[in-house]
């Protein structure tokens, strides 16, 4: 049975680990609200959902203050794509003040999309941290 890769990308604090746990239906990845990154290395979990096999990759945040971390994250993304070159990309965007997507999320997506040229049929956008009262 073929395994479908799901590579979850986004900036630190966007909710990638939380979303990965929702997809898996279990608390496989640590997630919490805090100032610094929660996920520091790529986490991976194989799961059977229904009659399909998935490989879920929880990648560290894309934009970091430290260039060494950014370079490491690029290597982590490359490794995930090597494992599953036709993976579905889930890009998680957080919302900021006024319910708007932050510029840093737009910059991160444009940079990663330029580097990898995602197929528009294989990318899903998730907008997280919406105000439940709006």
Protein backbone atom coordinates (compact mmCIF):
# COMPACT_ATOMS: atom_id res chain seq x y z
CA UNK A 1 0.00 0.00 0.00
CA UNK A 2 1.37 3.41 -0.99
CA UNK A 3 1.94 5.93 1.77
CA UNK A 4 0.82 9.52 1.29
CA UNK A 5 3.11 12.11 2.82
CA UNK A 6 1.68 15.12 4.63
CA UNK A 7 4.28 17.82 5.24
CA UNK A 8 3.11 20.54 7.61
CA UNK A 9 4.86 23.88 7.13
CA UNK A 10 4.48 27.35 8.61
CA UNK A 11 6.11 29.77 10.98
CA UNK A 12 6.81 29.14 14.65
CA UNK A 13 3.66 29.37 16.73
CA UNK A 14 1.26 28.94 13.80
CA UNK A 15 -0.15 25.70 15.23
CA UNK A 16 1.60 23.05 13.12
CA UNK A 17 2.02 20.54 15.96
CA UNK A 18 -1.58 21.01 17.08
CA UNK A 19 -2.83 20.43 13.53
CA UNK A 20 -0.66 17.33 13.15
CA UNK A 21 -2.23 15.94 16.33
CA UNK A 22 -5.72 16.66 14.97
CA UNK A 23 -4.88 14.84 11.72
CA UNK A 24 -3.49 11.87 13.64
CA UNK A 25 -6.29 11.83 16.20
CA UNK A 26 -3.80 11.63 19.08
CA UNK A 27 -1.34 13.77 21.04
CA UNK A 28 1.71 12.61 19.09
CA UNK A 29 3.52 15.95 19.01
CA UNK A 30 4.15 18.43 21.82
CA UNK A 31 2.34 21.72 21.34
CA UNK A 32 1.88 24.77 23.51
CA UNK A 33 1.60 28.52 23.29
CA UNK A 34 4.91 30.19 24.06
CA UNK A 35 7.31 32.82 22.72
CA UNK A 36 10.00 30.51 21.37
CA UNK A 37 9.67 27.50 19.09
CA UNK A 38 8.21 24.32 20.49
CA UNK A 39 9.33 22.04 17.62
CA UNK A 40 13.09 22.12 17.08
CA UNK A 41 13.60 19.07 14.84
CA UNK A 42 11.38 17.40 12.29
CA UNK A 43 8.98 15.00 13.90
CA UNK A 44 7.45 12.16 11.94
CA UNK A 45 4.62 9.78 12.59
CA UNK A 46 3.21 7.03 10.37
CA UNK A 47 -0.51 6.48 10.75
CA UNK A 48 -3.29 4.51 9.19
CA UNK A 49 -6.39 6.67 8.76
CA UNK A 50 -9.33 4.77 7.35
CA UNK A 51 -7.97 2.52 4.62
CA UNK A 52 -4.98 4.74 3.77
CA UNK A 53 -1.46 4.95 5.12
CA UNK A 54 0.01 8.40 5.86
CA UNK A 55 3.36 9.80 6.91
CA UNK A 56 2.85 13.06 8.80
CA UNK A 57 5.86 15.39 9.05
CA UNK A 58 5.82 18.17 11.65
CA UNK A 59 8.54 20.58 10.47
CA UNK A 60 10.06 23.31 12.71
CA UNK A 61 8.99 26.90 12.07
CA UNK A 62 10.25 28.49 8.86
CA UNK A 63 11.24 31.96 10.02
CA UNK A 64 13.61 32.02 12.97
CA UNK A 65 15.88 34.72 14.37
CA UNK A 66 18.94 32.50 13.93
CA UNK A 67 20.26 31.82 10.40
CA UNK A 68 21.69 28.46 11.54
CA UNK A 69 18.14 27.40 12.55
CA UNK A 70 16.81 28.51 9.16
CA UNK A 71 19.50 26.46 7.39
CA UNK A 72 18.70 23.45 9.56
CA UNK A 73 14.99 23.81 8.80
CA UNK A 74 15.75 23.83 5.05
CA UNK A 75 17.63 20.54 5.46
CA UNK A 76 14.71 19.12 7.46
CA UNK A 77 12.25 20.07 4.70
CA UNK A 78 14.55 18.54 2.07
CA UNK A 79 14.69 15.28 4.04
CA UNK A 80 10.88 15.13 4.27
CA UNK A 81 10.58 15.65 0.50
CA UNK A 82 13.17 12.96 -0.16
CA UNK A 83 11.06 10.55 1.90
CA UNK A 84 7.81 11.55 0.18
CA UNK A 85 8.46 13.62 -2.98
CA UNK A 86 4.76 13.81 -3.92
CA UNK A 87 3.56 14.75 -0.44
CA UNK A 88 0.62 17.01 0.21
CA UNK A 89 1.80 20.32 1.68
CA UNK A 90 -0.24 21.81 4.50
CA UNK A 91 0.79 25.43 5.09
CA UNK A 92 -0.45 26.80 8.42
CA UNK A 93 -0.94 30.55 8.67
CA UNK A 94 -1.63 32.34 11.92
CA UNK A 95 -3.73 35.45 12.17
CA UNK A 96 -2.64 38.53 14.00
CA UNK A 97 -4.20 41.78 15.03
CA UNK A 98 -7.54 42.42 13.41
CA UNK A 99 -7.80 38.87 12.08
CA UNK A 100 -5.28 39.46 9.29
CA UNK A 101 -2.65 37.03 8.12
CA UNK A 102 0.76 38.34 9.20
CA UNK A 103 3.32 39.58 6.69
CA UNK A 104 5.84 37.09 8.06
CA UNK A 105 3.54 34.23 6.98
CA UNK A 106 3.22 35.67 3.46
CA UNK A 107 7.01 36.14 3.24
CA UNK A 108 7.63 32.59 4.49
CA UNK A 109 5.16 31.03 2.05
CA UNK A 110 6.48 33.00 -0.93
CA UNK A 111 10.07 32.03 -0.11
CA UNK A 112 9.31 28.33 0.38
CA UNK A 113 7.07 28.21 -2.69
CA UNK A 114 9.80 29.86 -4.79
CA UNK A 115 12.32 27.29 -3.55
CA UNK A 116 10.12 24.20 -4.04
CA UNK A 117 7.54 25.25 -6.68
CA UNK A 118 4.58 23.51 -5.06
CA UNK A 119 1.95 22.04 -7.36
CA UNK A 120 -1.22 24.05 -6.72
CA UNK A 121 -3.17 20.78 -6.56
CA UNK A 122 -1.05 19.49 -3.68
CA UNK A 123 -1.16 22.39 -1.23
CA UNK A 124 -3.68 23.07 1.50
CA UNK A 125 -3.80 26.33 3.46
CA UNK A 126 -4.98 26.27 7.06
CA UNK A 127 -5.74 29.55 8.79
CA UNK A 128 -5.31 29.06 12.51
CA UNK A 129 -5.85 31.17 15.62
CA UNK A 130 -9.04 32.78 14.36
CA UNK A 131 -10.99 34.76 16.92
CA UNK A 132 -13.94 32.54 17.81
CA UNK A 133 -16.12 35.62 18.34
CA UNK A 134 -15.69 36.90 14.76
